[in-house]
């Protein structure tokens, strides 16, 4: 079979999936349950944590928590924008950087390696003219600005694809 890369913008809510072996009931967390649902829940054999998912065409499904959380990134509202259309926020950029490593090379160059949530790595460097002026913290700050700019572009590309598709 051919492999494909897919990106979708979906709506989702944490939910529990109950089953009695024949019937399945998905209940969003935090909402009131009907007496019928309460009765079913009491007789259920299994209960799994996951998400109720709604796609752009209205189709709804349930996804196990681990599968969902590995595949989807929450979209937060960018408070600097006027509308509530999907956009990238500074919070999303900051949260997408999982770890950083800062090192000095020679006596006047700072190198920062950032590992993103998906394992992708970005490396940036900054240097000064004179070793006497070298400050690793200042260099790391400059590198992190450049790294965050790149993450912003990468997440923007991802969101553009999710909203408008590939074609």
Protein backbone atom coordinates (compact mmCIF):
# COMPACT_ATOMS: atom_id res chain seq x y z
CA UNK A 1 0.00 0.00 0.00
CA UNK A 2 1.03 3.60 -0.64
CA UNK A 3 1.86 5.72 2.43
CA UNK A 4 0.17 9.11 2.95
CA UNK A 5 0.68 12.13 5.18
CA UNK A 6 -2.53 13.71 6.44
CA UNK A 7 -3.33 16.79 8.48
CA UNK A 8 -6.83 17.77 9.61
CA UNK A 9 -8.33 20.50 11.74
CA UNK A 10 -10.84 18.80 14.04
CA UNK A 11 -12.87 19.54 17.15
CA UNK A 12 -12.51 17.22 20.13
CA UNK A 13 -13.53 16.84 23.75
CA UNK A 14 -12.27 14.45 26.43
CA UNK A 15 -14.72 11.57 26.72
CA UNK A 16 -15.21 8.16 28.30
CA UNK A 17 -16.24 5.15 26.22
CA UNK A 18 -18.32 2.54 28.05
CA UNK A 19 -19.12 -0.90 26.67
CA UNK A 20 -21.22 -3.82 27.87
CA UNK A 21 -19.80 -6.13 25.19
CA UNK A 22 -22.54 -5.38 22.65
CA UNK A 23 -23.28 -1.66 22.88
CA UNK A 24 -20.93 1.32 23.18
CA UNK A 25 -21.72 4.65 24.84
CA UNK A 26 -19.42 7.67 24.53
CA UNK A 27 -19.94 10.42 27.12
CA UNK A 28 -18.08 13.73 27.07
CA UNK A 29 -16.48 14.45 30.42
CA UNK A 30 -18.09 17.18 32.48
CA UNK A 31 -21.57 16.94 31.00
CA UNK A 32 -24.67 15.70 32.80
CA UNK A 33 -25.79 12.17 32.00
CA UNK A 34 -29.36 11.03 31.43
CA UNK A 35 -30.84 8.36 33.73
CA UNK A 36 -30.54 5.87 30.83
CA UNK A 37 -26.87 6.68 30.43
CA UNK A 38 -26.29 6.34 34.18
CA UNK A 39 -27.92 2.90 34.14
CA UNK A 40 -25.81 1.79 31.17
CA UNK A 41 -22.61 3.07 32.82
CA UNK A 42 -23.34 1.02 35.96
CA UNK A 43 -23.68 -2.16 33.89
CA UNK A 44 -20.73 -1.47 31.58
CA UNK A 45 -17.92 -4.01 31.46
CA UNK A 46 -15.25 -1.56 30.26
CA UNK A 47 -14.51 2.15 30.46
CA UNK A 48 -11.79 3.75 28.32
CA UNK A 49 -10.46 7.31 28.37
CA UNK A 50 -10.29 9.09 25.02
CA UNK A 51 -11.79 11.85 22.93
CA UNK A 52 -15.00 12.43 21.02
CA UNK A 53 -13.83 13.77 17.66
CA UNK A 54 -15.82 15.82 15.12
CA UNK A 55 -14.44 16.30 11.62
CA UNK A 56 -15.16 19.24 9.29
CA UNK A 57 -17.81 17.22 7.39
CA UNK A 58 -19.70 16.52 10.64
CA UNK A 59 -18.58 12.90 11.00
CA UNK A 60 -17.99 11.97 14.65
CA UNK A 61 -15.87 9.23 16.15
CA UNK A 62 -14.06 8.28 19.33
CA UNK A 63 -10.27 8.00 19.65
CA UNK A 64 -8.26 6.43 22.50
CA UNK A 65 -6.41 9.05 24.55
CA UNK A 66 -2.89 7.88 23.66
CA UNK A 67 -3.58 7.71 19.93
CA UNK A 68 -5.31 11.10 19.92
CA UNK A 69 -2.68 12.91 22.00
CA UNK A 70 0.14 11.55 19.80
CA UNK A 71 -1.56 12.83 16.63
CA UNK A 72 -3.18 16.16 17.55
CA UNK A 73 -1.90 19.50 18.86
CA UNK A 74 -4.36 21.78 20.68
CA UNK A 75 -4.96 25.09 18.89
CA UNK A 76 -5.03 27.97 21.36
CA UNK A 77 -6.59 31.33 20.54
CA UNK A 78 -4.06 34.03 19.79
CA UNK A 79 -5.17 36.95 22.01
CA UNK A 80 -3.38 39.44 19.77
CA UNK A 81 -5.79 38.78 16.89
CA UNK A 82 -9.34 40.13 16.55
CA UNK A 83 -11.11 36.97 15.43
CA UNK A 84 -11.35 33.45 16.73
CA UNK A 85 -10.33 31.72 13.50
CA UNK A 86 -7.57 29.14 13.89
CA UNK A 87 -4.17 30.76 14.32
CA UNK A 88 -0.81 30.11 15.94
CA UNK A 89 -0.23 31.66 19.36
CA UNK A 90 3.00 32.34 21.24
CA UNK A 91 1.83 29.76 23.78
CA UNK A 92 1.66 27.09 21.04
CA UNK A 93 5.17 27.98 19.85
CA UNK A 94 6.62 27.89 23.37
CA UNK A 95 4.86 24.61 24.24
CA UNK A 96 6.08 22.93 21.03
CA UNK A 97 9.71 23.25 22.15
CA UNK A 98 10.30 20.21 24.36
CA UNK A 99 13.89 20.81 25.42
CA UNK A 100 16.91 22.96 24.68
CA UNK A 101 20.65 22.51 25.05
CA UNK A 102 23.03 25.50 25.15
CA UNK A 103 26.77 25.27 24.63
CA UNK A 104 29.72 27.54 24.00
CA UNK A 105 32.01 26.69 21.12
CA UNK A 106 35.42 28.30 21.14
CA UNK A 107 35.47 31.48 23.17
CA UNK A 108 32.77 33.59 21.47
CA UNK A 109 30.10 31.40 19.88
CA UNK A 110 26.85 30.15 21.43
CA UNK A 111 25.04 27.16 19.92
CA UNK A 112 21.48 26.20 20.91
CA UNK A 113 19.86 22.89 19.97
CA UNK A 114 16.09 22.76 20.42
CA UNK A 115 14.16 19.50 20.28
CA UNK A 116 10.50 19.89 19.32
CA UNK A 117 7.60 17.78 20.58
CA UNK A 118 7.71 15.63 17.45
CA UNK A 119 11.46 15.00 17.77
CA UNK A 120 12.49 17.45 15.03
CA UNK A 121 15.64 19.39 15.95
CA UNK A 122 16.56 22.99 15.19
CA UNK A 123 20.09 24.31 15.75
CA UNK A 124 21.01 28.00 15.80
CA UNK A 125 24.21 29.84 16.62
CA UNK A 126 25.27 33.35 17.47
CA UNK A 127 28.73 34.84 17.86
CA UNK A 128 30.32 38.11 18.84
CA UNK A 129 33.35 39.86 17.37
CA UNK A 130 35.47 39.93 20.53
CA UNK A 131 35.77 37.20 23.14
CA UNK A 132 35.81 39.95 25.79
CA UNK A 133 32.18 40.76 24.90
CA UNK A 134 30.98 37.14 24.93
CA UNK A 135 27.89 36.37 27.05
CA UNK A 136 26.40 32.90 26.70
CA UNK A 137 23.00 34.00 28.07
CA UNK A 138 22.77 36.83 25.53
CA UNK A 139 23.80 34.48 22.72
CA UNK A 140 21.26 31.85 23.85
CA UNK A 141 18.52 34.50 23.86
CA UNK A 142 19.34 35.49 20.29
CA UNK A 143 19.36 31.85 19.20
CA UNK A 144 16.02 31.16 20.91
CA UNK A 145 14.42 34.09 19.08
CA UNK A 146 15.54 32.56 15.78
CA UNK A 147 14.39 29.08 16.82
CA UNK A 148 10.96 30.37 17.86
CA UNK A 149 10.62 32.20 14.53
CA UNK A 150 11.27 28.89 12.76
CA UNK A 151 8.79 27.01 14.97
CA UNK A 152 6.18 29.72 14.26
CA UNK A 153 6.65 29.17 10.51
CA UNK A 154 6.53 25.38 10.84
CA UNK A 155 3.33 25.46 12.91
CA UNK A 156 1.84 28.02 10.51
CA UNK A 157 2.52 25.67 7.62
CA UNK A 158 0.94 22.79 9.55
CA UNK A 159 -2.16 24.83 10.38
CA UNK A 160 -2.47 26.14 6.80
CA UNK A 161 -2.43 22.52 5.59
CA UNK A 162 -4.97 21.45 8.20
CA UNK A 163 -7.37 24.27 7.31
CA UNK A 164 -6.99 24.27 3.52
CA UNK A 165 -5.66 20.81 2.70
CA UNK A 166 -2.91 19.90 0.28
CA UNK A 167 -4.53 20.86 -3.03
